[in-house]
N, C-alpha and C. Protein backbone atom coordinates (compact mmCIF):
# COMPACT_ATOMS: atom_id res chain seq x y z
N MET A 1 102.26 110.81 111.68
CA MET A 1 101.90 110.96 113.08
C MET A 1 103.15 110.72 113.92
N LYS A 2 103.47 111.71 114.73
CA LYS A 2 104.67 111.64 115.55
C LYS A 2 104.57 110.51 116.57
N GLY A 3 105.62 109.69 116.65
CA GLY A 3 105.66 108.61 117.61
C GLY A 3 104.95 107.34 117.16
N LYS A 4 104.37 107.33 115.96
CA LYS A 4 103.67 106.16 115.48
C LYS A 4 104.61 104.96 115.37
N ASP A 5 105.87 105.22 115.00
CA ASP A 5 106.82 104.12 114.85
C ASP A 5 107.10 103.43 116.18
N GLU A 6 107.20 104.21 117.26
CA GLU A 6 107.42 103.60 118.57
C GLU A 6 106.21 102.77 118.98
N GLY A 7 105.02 103.25 118.65
CA GLY A 7 103.80 102.50 118.93
C GLY A 7 103.75 101.19 118.15
N MET A 8 104.19 101.24 116.90
CA MET A 8 104.25 100.03 116.08
C MET A 8 105.23 99.02 116.70
N GLU A 9 106.37 99.54 117.17
CA GLU A 9 107.36 98.67 117.79
C GLU A 9 106.78 97.99 119.03
N ARG A 10 106.16 98.78 119.90
CA ARG A 10 105.58 98.21 121.12
C ARG A 10 104.46 97.22 120.77
N GLY A 11 103.61 97.61 119.84
CA GLY A 11 102.46 96.79 119.48
C GLY A 11 102.82 95.49 118.78
N HIS A 12 103.91 95.49 118.06
CA HIS A 12 104.28 94.31 117.26
C HIS A 12 105.44 93.51 117.83
N ALA A 13 106.00 93.94 118.94
CA ALA A 13 107.19 93.27 119.49
C ALA A 13 106.97 91.78 119.73
N ALA A 14 105.86 91.41 120.34
CA ALA A 14 105.61 90.00 120.64
C ALA A 14 105.48 89.18 119.36
N SER A 15 104.74 89.71 118.38
CA SER A 15 104.57 88.99 117.12
C SER A 15 105.89 88.85 116.39
N VAL A 16 106.67 89.92 116.34
CA VAL A 16 107.96 89.87 115.65
C VAL A 16 108.90 88.88 116.34
N GLN A 17 108.89 88.84 117.66
CA GLN A 17 109.74 87.88 118.37
C GLN A 17 109.38 86.45 117.97
N GLU A 18 108.08 86.17 117.88
CA GLU A 18 107.65 84.83 117.45
C GLU A 18 108.03 84.58 115.99
N MET A 19 107.94 85.61 115.15
CA MET A 19 108.32 85.47 113.74
C MET A 19 109.81 85.14 113.61
N LEU A 20 110.64 85.80 114.41
CA LEU A 20 112.08 85.53 114.36
C LEU A 20 112.38 84.12 114.87
N GLN A 21 111.59 83.64 115.82
CA GLN A 21 111.76 82.26 116.27
C GLN A 21 111.40 81.28 115.16
N LEU A 22 110.35 81.61 114.39
CA LEU A 22 109.98 80.77 113.25
C LEU A 22 111.10 80.76 112.20
N ALA A 23 111.83 81.87 112.11
CA ALA A 23 112.96 81.98 111.18
C ALA A 23 114.23 81.37 111.74
N GLN A 24 114.12 80.79 112.94
CA GLN A 24 115.25 80.15 113.62
C GLN A 24 116.40 81.12 113.84
N ILE A 25 116.04 82.33 114.29
CA ILE A 25 117.05 83.32 114.65
C ILE A 25 117.06 83.41 116.17
N PRO A 26 118.23 83.25 116.82
CA PRO A 26 119.57 83.18 116.24
C PRO A 26 119.80 81.88 115.47
N ARG A 27 120.68 81.97 114.48
CA ARG A 27 120.96 80.84 113.59
C ARG A 27 122.32 80.23 113.89
N ALA A 28 122.51 79.03 113.35
CA ALA A 28 123.77 78.31 113.56
C ALA A 28 124.79 78.58 112.46
N SER A 29 124.36 79.19 111.35
CA SER A 29 125.29 79.50 110.27
C SER A 29 125.09 80.93 109.79
N PRO A 30 126.11 81.52 109.17
CA PRO A 30 126.04 82.92 108.74
C PRO A 30 124.94 83.16 107.70
N TYR A 31 124.35 84.36 107.74
CA TYR A 31 123.29 84.72 106.80
C TYR A 31 123.22 86.23 106.64
N SER A 32 122.54 86.64 105.56
CA SER A 32 122.24 88.05 105.32
C SER A 32 120.72 88.21 105.35
N ALA A 33 120.26 89.43 105.64
CA ALA A 33 118.83 89.64 105.82
C ALA A 33 118.40 91.02 105.34
N ILE A 34 117.09 91.14 105.10
CA ILE A 34 116.50 92.43 104.80
C ILE A 34 115.14 92.50 105.49
N ASP A 35 114.83 93.66 106.05
CA ASP A 35 113.53 93.91 106.66
C ASP A 35 112.78 94.86 105.74
N VAL A 36 111.67 94.40 105.20
CA VAL A 36 110.88 95.17 104.25
C VAL A 36 109.80 95.93 105.01
N GLY A 37 109.80 97.26 104.87
CA GLY A 37 108.91 98.10 105.65
C GLY A 37 109.50 98.31 107.03
N CYS A 38 110.80 98.62 107.05
CA CYS A 38 111.58 98.61 108.30
C CYS A 38 111.26 99.73 109.27
N GLY A 39 110.53 100.76 108.84
CA GLY A 39 110.23 101.85 109.76
C GLY A 39 111.50 102.46 110.32
N ASN A 40 111.57 102.56 111.65
CA ASN A 40 112.75 103.18 112.29
C ASN A 40 113.92 102.20 112.46
N GLY A 41 113.79 101.00 111.90
CA GLY A 41 114.91 100.06 111.91
C GLY A 41 114.98 99.13 113.11
N TRP A 42 113.95 99.11 113.95
CA TRP A 42 114.04 98.34 115.19
C TRP A 42 114.20 96.84 114.95
N VAL A 43 113.56 96.29 113.90
CA VAL A 43 113.71 94.86 113.64
C VAL A 43 115.11 94.58 113.07
N CYS A 44 115.61 95.49 112.24
CA CYS A 44 116.99 95.33 111.72
C CYS A 44 117.98 95.24 112.88
N ARG A 45 117.82 96.11 113.85
CA ARG A 45 118.74 96.10 114.99
C ARG A 45 118.61 94.80 115.78
N LYS A 46 117.37 94.30 115.90
CA LYS A 46 117.14 93.04 116.61
C LYS A 46 117.81 91.88 115.86
N ILE A 47 117.64 91.83 114.54
CA ILE A 47 118.27 90.77 113.74
C ILE A 47 119.79 90.89 113.82
N ASN A 48 120.29 92.12 113.77
CA ASN A 48 121.73 92.35 113.80
C ASN A 48 122.38 91.92 115.11
N ASP A 49 121.58 91.77 116.16
CA ASP A 49 122.11 91.28 117.43
C ASP A 49 122.54 89.82 117.35
N ASP A 50 122.05 89.10 116.33
CA ASP A 50 122.44 87.71 116.15
C ASP A 50 123.87 87.68 115.59
N PRO A 51 124.81 87.06 116.30
CA PRO A 51 126.20 87.02 115.84
C PRO A 51 126.38 86.39 114.46
N MET A 52 125.44 85.56 114.02
CA MET A 52 125.55 84.92 112.71
C MET A 52 125.07 85.82 111.57
N CYS A 53 124.44 86.93 111.91
CA CYS A 53 123.99 87.86 110.87
C CYS A 53 125.18 88.64 110.35
N GLN A 54 125.51 88.42 109.09
CA GLN A 54 126.64 89.12 108.48
C GLN A 54 126.26 90.52 108.03
N LYS A 55 125.02 90.68 107.58
CA LYS A 55 124.55 92.00 107.13
C LYS A 55 123.03 91.99 107.11
N VAL A 56 122.45 93.06 107.63
CA VAL A 56 121.01 93.25 107.54
C VAL A 56 120.74 94.64 106.97
N GLU A 57 119.80 94.70 106.06
CA GLU A 57 119.39 95.97 105.44
C GLU A 57 117.92 96.20 105.74
N GLY A 58 117.55 97.47 105.75
CA GLY A 58 116.15 97.83 105.90
C GLY A 58 115.73 98.73 104.77
N VAL A 59 114.51 98.56 104.30
CA VAL A 59 113.95 99.43 103.26
C VAL A 59 112.56 99.87 103.70
N ASP A 60 112.26 101.13 103.44
CA ASP A 60 110.95 101.67 103.80
C ASP A 60 110.58 102.77 102.82
N GLY A 61 109.30 102.95 102.59
CA GLY A 61 108.81 103.98 101.69
C GLY A 61 108.77 105.37 102.31
N SER A 62 109.03 105.47 103.60
CA SER A 62 109.01 106.76 104.29
C SER A 62 110.43 107.28 104.48
N ALA A 63 110.73 108.39 103.83
CA ALA A 63 112.06 109.00 103.99
C ALA A 63 112.30 109.40 105.44
N THR A 64 111.25 109.84 106.13
CA THR A 64 111.37 110.24 107.53
C THR A 64 111.79 109.06 108.40
N MET A 65 111.19 107.90 108.16
CA MET A 65 111.55 106.71 108.95
C MET A 65 112.99 106.29 108.66
N ILE A 66 113.40 106.37 107.41
CA ILE A 66 114.77 105.98 107.07
C ILE A 66 115.76 106.94 107.74
N GLU A 67 115.45 108.22 107.74
CA GLU A 67 116.32 109.19 108.44
C GLU A 67 116.41 108.84 109.92
N LYS A 68 115.28 108.50 110.51
CA LYS A 68 115.26 108.15 111.93
C LYS A 68 116.09 106.88 112.19
N ALA A 69 115.94 105.88 111.30
CA ALA A 69 116.72 104.65 111.44
C ALA A 69 118.21 104.94 111.38
N LYS A 70 118.61 105.80 110.45
CA LYS A 70 120.03 106.13 110.29
C LYS A 70 120.56 106.93 111.47
N GLU A 71 119.72 107.79 112.06
CA GLU A 71 120.13 108.55 113.24
C GLU A 71 120.34 107.60 114.43
N THR A 72 119.43 106.64 114.58
CA THR A 72 119.50 105.70 115.69
C THR A 72 120.64 104.70 115.51
N ASP A 73 120.87 104.31 114.26
CA ASP A 73 121.84 103.26 113.94
C ASP A 73 122.71 103.70 112.76
N PRO A 74 123.65 104.63 113.00
CA PRO A 74 124.45 105.18 111.91
C PRO A 74 125.27 104.14 111.15
N ALA A 75 125.59 103.02 111.77
CA ALA A 75 126.37 101.99 111.10
C ALA A 75 125.49 101.04 110.28
N GLY A 76 124.17 101.19 110.40
CA GLY A 76 123.25 100.29 109.70
C GLY A 76 123.08 100.63 108.24
N PHE A 77 122.40 99.75 107.52
CA PHE A 77 122.15 99.90 106.09
C PHE A 77 120.65 100.08 105.88
N TYR A 78 120.25 101.32 105.63
CA TYR A 78 118.83 101.65 105.47
C TYR A 78 118.62 102.39 104.16
N PHE A 79 117.54 102.01 103.48
CA PHE A 79 117.28 102.57 102.15
C PHE A 79 115.84 103.05 102.04
N HIS A 80 115.70 104.22 101.43
CA HIS A 80 114.37 104.74 101.12
C HIS A 80 114.01 104.26 99.72
N GLY A 81 112.87 103.61 99.60
CA GLY A 81 112.46 103.13 98.29
C GLY A 81 111.04 102.63 98.31
N ASN A 82 110.38 102.80 97.17
CA ASN A 82 109.02 102.30 97.01
C ASN A 82 109.05 100.95 96.32
N LEU A 83 108.24 100.06 96.81
CA LEU A 83 108.17 98.72 96.24
C LEU A 83 106.91 98.62 95.38
N PRO A 84 107.03 97.90 94.28
CA PRO A 84 108.03 96.90 93.97
C PRO A 84 109.23 97.42 93.16
N GLU A 85 109.33 98.73 92.93
CA GLU A 85 110.40 99.25 92.08
C GLU A 85 111.79 99.09 92.70
N TRP A 86 111.94 99.37 93.99
CA TRP A 86 113.24 99.28 94.64
C TRP A 86 113.65 97.81 94.76
N GLU A 87 114.93 97.54 94.64
CA GLU A 87 115.42 96.19 94.88
C GLU A 87 116.81 96.23 95.50
N PRO A 88 117.16 95.21 96.27
CA PRO A 88 118.49 95.18 96.90
C PRO A 88 119.58 94.96 95.84
N THR A 89 120.80 95.34 96.18
CA THR A 89 121.90 95.19 95.24
C THR A 89 122.36 93.75 95.12
N GLU A 90 122.06 92.93 96.13
CA GLU A 90 122.40 91.51 96.07
C GLU A 90 121.37 90.71 96.83
N GLY A 91 121.32 89.41 96.51
CA GLY A 91 120.36 88.54 97.17
C GLY A 91 120.67 88.37 98.65
N VAL A 92 119.65 87.97 99.40
CA VAL A 92 119.78 87.74 100.83
C VAL A 92 119.27 86.35 101.17
N ASP A 93 119.60 85.92 102.38
CA ASP A 93 119.19 84.60 102.85
C ASP A 93 117.87 84.62 103.62
N PHE A 94 117.50 85.79 104.10
CA PHE A 94 116.30 85.90 104.93
C PHE A 94 115.61 87.23 104.67
N ILE A 95 114.32 87.17 104.37
CA ILE A 95 113.49 88.38 104.24
C ILE A 95 112.47 88.36 105.36
N HIS A 96 112.40 89.48 106.08
CA HIS A 96 111.38 89.67 107.12
C HIS A 96 110.49 90.83 106.69
N SER A 97 109.20 90.70 106.92
CA SER A 97 108.28 91.79 106.64
C SER A 97 107.12 91.72 107.63
N MET A 98 106.84 92.85 108.25
CA MET A 98 105.71 92.92 109.19
C MET A 98 104.83 94.10 108.79
N GLU A 99 103.56 93.81 108.52
CA GLU A 99 102.59 94.86 108.23
C GLU A 99 102.97 95.70 107.01
N PHE A 100 103.37 95.05 105.93
CA PHE A 100 103.70 95.76 104.71
C PHE A 100 102.90 95.29 103.50
N LEU A 101 102.85 93.99 103.29
CA LEU A 101 102.38 93.44 102.02
C LEU A 101 100.99 93.90 101.60
N TYR A 102 100.05 94.02 102.53
CA TYR A 102 98.69 94.35 102.13
C TYR A 102 98.51 95.79 101.65
N TYR A 103 99.53 96.63 101.82
CA TYR A 103 99.45 97.99 101.29
C TYR A 103 99.64 98.02 99.77
N LEU A 104 100.16 96.95 99.21
CA LEU A 104 100.39 96.87 97.77
C LEU A 104 99.09 96.50 97.05
N LYS A 105 98.95 96.97 95.83
CA LYS A 105 97.79 96.61 95.01
C LYS A 105 97.85 95.14 94.64
N ASP A 106 99.06 94.61 94.46
CA ASP A 106 99.24 93.21 94.06
C ASP A 106 100.31 92.55 94.93
N PRO A 107 99.97 92.20 96.16
CA PRO A 107 100.97 91.59 97.05
C PRO A 107 101.50 90.26 96.51
N ALA A 108 100.70 89.53 95.75
CA ALA A 108 101.17 88.25 95.20
C ALA A 108 102.34 88.48 94.26
N ALA A 109 102.31 89.56 93.48
CA ALA A 109 103.42 89.87 92.58
C ALA A 109 104.69 90.18 93.38
N MET A 110 104.55 90.85 94.53
CA MET A 110 105.71 91.15 95.36
C MET A 110 106.30 89.87 95.94
N LEU A 111 105.45 88.94 96.33
CA LEU A 111 105.94 87.65 96.83
C LEU A 111 106.78 86.96 95.75
N LYS A 112 106.33 87.04 94.51
CA LYS A 112 107.07 86.43 93.39
C LYS A 112 108.42 87.12 93.20
N ILE A 113 108.46 88.44 93.34
CA ILE A 113 109.72 89.19 93.24
C ILE A 113 110.66 88.79 94.37
N PHE A 114 110.13 88.70 95.59
CA PHE A 114 110.95 88.24 96.72
C PHE A 114 111.58 86.90 96.38
N HIS A 115 110.77 85.98 95.91
CA HIS A 115 111.25 84.63 95.62
C HIS A 115 112.27 84.62 94.48
N ASP A 116 111.91 85.23 93.38
CA ASP A 116 112.74 85.12 92.17
C ASP A 116 113.98 86.00 92.19
N SER A 117 113.87 87.21 92.76
CA SER A 117 114.95 88.19 92.63
C SER A 117 115.69 88.53 93.91
N TRP A 118 115.05 88.45 95.04
CA TRP A 118 115.66 88.92 96.28
C TRP A 118 116.33 87.81 97.09
N LEU A 119 115.74 86.62 97.08
CA LEU A 119 116.24 85.54 97.94
C LEU A 119 117.31 84.70 97.25
N ASN A 120 118.33 84.36 98.00
CA ASN A 120 119.31 83.37 97.56
C ASN A 120 118.67 81.99 97.63
N SER A 121 119.27 81.02 96.95
CA SER A 121 118.83 79.63 97.07
C SER A 121 118.90 79.24 98.55
N ASP A 122 117.96 78.47 98.99
CA ASP A 122 117.82 78.05 100.40
C ASP A 122 117.43 79.21 101.31
N GLY A 123 116.99 80.32 100.71
CA GLY A 123 116.55 81.46 101.50
C GLY A 123 115.16 81.26 102.08
N MET A 124 114.79 82.16 102.99
CA MET A 124 113.52 82.05 103.70
C MET A 124 112.84 83.41 103.79
N LEU A 125 111.52 83.41 103.61
CA LEU A 125 110.69 84.59 103.83
C LEU A 125 109.79 84.32 105.02
N VAL A 126 109.73 85.29 105.93
CA VAL A 126 108.77 85.27 107.03
C VAL A 126 108.06 86.62 106.99
N ALA A 127 106.76 86.59 106.68
CA ALA A 127 105.99 87.83 106.52
C ALA A 127 104.73 87.77 107.37
N GLY A 128 104.48 88.86 108.09
CA GLY A 128 103.30 88.94 108.95
C GLY A 128 102.36 90.05 108.52
N VAL A 129 101.06 89.77 108.64
CA VAL A 129 100.03 90.77 108.35
C VAL A 129 98.96 90.70 109.43
N ASP A 130 98.48 91.84 109.82
CA ASP A 130 97.35 91.89 110.75
C ASP A 130 96.04 92.14 110.03
N HIS A 131 96.12 92.67 108.80
CA HIS A 131 94.91 92.90 108.00
C HIS A 131 94.72 91.71 107.06
N TYR A 132 93.76 90.85 107.42
CA TYR A 132 93.40 89.71 106.60
C TYR A 132 91.95 89.36 106.91
N LEU A 133 91.32 88.64 105.99
CA LEU A 133 89.88 88.42 106.03
C LEU A 133 89.39 87.85 107.36
N GLU A 134 90.12 86.92 107.94
CA GLU A 134 89.67 86.30 109.19
C GLU A 134 89.80 87.23 110.40
N ASN A 135 90.55 88.30 110.29
CA ASN A 135 90.65 89.28 111.37
C ASN A 135 89.57 90.34 111.15
N GLN A 136 88.39 90.06 111.63
CA GLN A 136 87.23 90.92 111.38
C GLN A 136 87.47 92.37 111.80
N ASP A 137 88.18 92.57 112.89
CA ASP A 137 88.44 93.93 113.36
C ASP A 137 89.23 94.75 112.35
N SER A 138 90.05 94.09 111.54
CA SER A 138 90.91 94.81 110.60
C SER A 138 90.17 95.23 109.33
N LEU A 139 88.98 94.72 109.10
CA LEU A 139 88.30 94.97 107.84
C LEU A 139 87.83 96.41 107.69
N THR A 140 87.74 97.13 108.80
CA THR A 140 87.34 98.54 108.73
C THR A 140 88.53 99.48 108.52
N TRP A 141 89.74 98.97 108.65
CA TRP A 141 90.94 99.82 108.58
C TRP A 141 91.07 100.62 107.28
N PRO A 142 90.85 100.04 106.12
CA PRO A 142 91.04 100.82 104.89
C PRO A 142 90.19 102.10 104.87
N ASP A 143 88.92 101.98 105.25
CA ASP A 143 88.05 103.16 105.27
C ASP A 143 88.40 104.09 106.42
N ALA A 144 88.64 103.53 107.59
CA ALA A 144 88.94 104.36 108.77
C ALA A 144 90.23 105.15 108.58
N LEU A 145 91.22 104.55 107.93
CA LEU A 145 92.52 105.21 107.73
C LEU A 145 92.63 105.89 106.37
N ASP A 146 91.62 105.67 105.52
CA ASP A 146 91.61 106.23 104.16
C ASP A 146 92.90 105.87 103.41
N VAL A 147 93.19 104.55 103.41
CA VAL A 147 94.38 104.05 102.74
C VAL A 147 94.04 102.71 102.07
N HIS A 148 94.68 102.46 100.94
CA HIS A 148 94.44 101.19 100.25
C HIS A 148 95.02 100.04 101.06
N MET A 149 94.23 98.97 101.20
CA MET A 149 94.71 97.72 101.77
C MET A 149 94.08 96.59 100.97
N THR A 150 94.90 95.66 100.53
CA THR A 150 94.41 94.48 99.82
C THR A 150 94.00 93.45 100.86
N THR A 151 92.74 93.08 100.83
CA THR A 151 92.21 92.13 101.81
C THR A 151 92.22 90.73 101.20
N MET A 152 92.96 89.83 101.85
CA MET A 152 93.04 88.45 101.41
C MET A 152 92.79 87.53 102.60
N SER A 153 92.26 86.35 102.31
CA SER A 153 92.05 85.35 103.36
C SER A 153 93.35 84.61 103.62
N GLU A 154 93.37 83.87 104.70
CA GLU A 154 94.55 83.05 105.01
C GLU A 154 94.83 82.09 103.86
N GLU A 155 93.79 81.49 103.29
CA GLU A 155 93.97 80.55 102.18
C GLU A 155 94.52 81.27 100.94
N GLN A 156 94.05 82.49 100.68
CA GLN A 156 94.57 83.25 99.53
C GLN A 156 96.04 83.60 99.71
N TRP A 157 96.45 83.96 100.93
CA TRP A 157 97.87 84.24 101.20
C TRP A 157 98.69 82.96 100.99
N HIS A 158 98.19 81.85 101.47
CA HIS A 158 98.89 80.57 101.32
C HIS A 158 99.06 80.25 99.83
N GLU A 159 97.99 80.39 99.08
CA GLU A 159 98.03 80.13 97.64
C GLU A 159 99.00 81.07 96.93
N ALA A 160 99.03 82.33 97.33
CA ALA A 160 99.96 83.30 96.72
C ALA A 160 101.41 82.92 96.98
N MET A 161 101.70 82.42 98.18
CA MET A 161 103.05 81.95 98.49
C MET A 161 103.45 80.79 97.58
N LEU A 162 102.55 79.84 97.41
CA LEU A 162 102.84 78.68 96.56
C LEU A 162 103.03 79.10 95.10
N LYS A 163 102.14 79.96 94.62
CA LYS A 163 102.24 80.42 93.22
C LYS A 163 103.52 81.23 92.98
N ALA A 164 104.02 81.89 94.01
CA ALA A 164 105.26 82.66 93.89
C ALA A 164 106.47 81.74 93.78
N GLY A 165 106.30 80.46 94.13
CA GLY A 165 107.39 79.50 94.02
C GLY A 165 107.93 79.00 95.34
N PHE A 166 107.39 79.50 96.44
CA PHE A 166 107.88 79.08 97.75
C PHE A 166 107.49 77.62 98.02
N VAL A 167 108.36 76.92 98.74
CA VAL A 167 108.10 75.54 99.14
C VAL A 167 108.09 75.47 100.66
N ASN A 168 107.61 74.33 101.17
CA ASN A 168 107.50 74.14 102.62
C ASN A 168 106.80 75.34 103.27
N VAL A 169 105.74 75.81 102.63
CA VAL A 169 104.99 76.97 103.12
C VAL A 169 104.15 76.57 104.33
N THR A 170 104.29 77.33 105.40
CA THR A 170 103.47 77.11 106.58
C THR A 170 102.83 78.44 106.98
N MET A 171 101.65 78.33 107.56
CA MET A 171 100.92 79.50 108.02
C MET A 171 100.78 79.41 109.54
N HIS A 172 100.92 80.55 110.19
CA HIS A 172 100.89 80.59 111.65
C HIS A 172 100.08 81.79 112.12
N ARG A 173 99.58 81.72 113.33
CA ARG A 173 98.99 82.86 114.01
C ARG A 173 99.86 83.11 115.24
N VAL A 174 100.41 84.32 115.32
CA VAL A 174 101.27 84.66 116.45
C VAL A 174 100.74 85.92 117.13
N GLY A 175 101.27 86.20 118.31
CA GLY A 175 100.85 87.39 119.04
C GLY A 175 99.42 87.30 119.55
N LEU A 176 98.95 86.10 119.77
CA LEU A 176 97.57 85.90 120.22
C LEU A 176 97.36 86.52 121.60
N LYS A 177 96.25 87.19 121.75
CA LYS A 177 95.87 87.75 123.04
C LYS A 177 94.36 87.95 123.05
N GLU A 178 93.83 88.25 124.18
CA GLU A 178 92.39 88.44 124.35
C GLU A 178 91.86 89.44 123.32
N GLY A 179 90.88 89.01 122.54
CA GLY A 179 90.26 89.91 121.57
C GLY A 179 91.04 90.09 120.27
N PHE A 180 92.12 89.35 120.08
CA PHE A 180 92.92 89.49 118.85
C PHE A 180 93.20 88.09 118.29
N VAL A 181 92.80 87.88 117.04
CA VAL A 181 92.95 86.55 116.42
C VAL A 181 94.38 86.26 116.01
N GLY A 182 95.25 87.23 116.15
CA GLY A 182 96.67 87.02 115.90
C GLY A 182 97.15 87.58 114.58
N THR A 183 98.45 87.82 114.54
CA THR A 183 99.11 88.19 113.30
C THR A 183 99.21 86.93 112.45
N LEU A 184 98.79 87.04 111.20
CA LEU A 184 98.92 85.93 110.26
C LEU A 184 100.34 85.96 109.70
N VAL A 185 101.07 84.87 109.88
CA VAL A 185 102.46 84.79 109.45
C VAL A 185 102.62 83.69 108.41
N MET A 186 103.26 84.08 107.31
CA MET A 186 103.58 83.15 106.22
C MET A 186 105.05 82.86 106.26
N VAL A 187 105.41 81.59 106.21
CA VAL A 187 106.80 81.18 106.16
C VAL A 187 106.99 80.36 104.90
N GLY A 188 107.97 80.73 104.09
CA GLY A 188 108.24 79.99 102.87
C GLY A 188 109.72 79.94 102.57
N HIS A 189 110.12 78.92 101.82
CA HIS A 189 111.53 78.70 101.51
C HIS A 189 111.73 78.70 100.00
N LYS A 190 112.92 79.09 99.57
CA LYS A 190 113.30 79.01 98.17
C LYS A 190 114.31 77.87 98.04
N GLN A 191 114.08 76.99 97.09
CA GLN A 191 115.01 75.88 96.88
C GLN A 191 116.23 76.34 96.12
């Protein structure tokens, strides 16, 4: 759908801003980052505005979105790839993901891959989802959009983070507004 990426950017801007604050961006020390499900690259560009960000990469399953990201930001690092098969060439200090994980058949396995293979020691994952059990409005999305979505409760997401190996796991609701229970955000650290 033409223009869907701009709509996603407008619709998720407030939640993403709160997610980046949870990730303590801007940071006081240098770091590398990756945005999983980067779309047109708008979050990558936002992270890259932080002077302490040494490198940020974006990955998305849509070749069209990656082309758009590269057109908008020719100096950026954007990759077309399907997860969980695609992986970065080196570990990163920060992983951001918004509205991606529930599209996977086994999001818990992806969390484990993030922890074990993608993150450097002392790294951090901040992931947001709008489709979760407590968000009643989102429960019709899989049928309405005719797309697979794994429905998990807040407690199941928390448990998946812990089982993946993350420590100091916290759960948040961000982007709260009238009629919306908020984006569910998971924050976890790798020791």
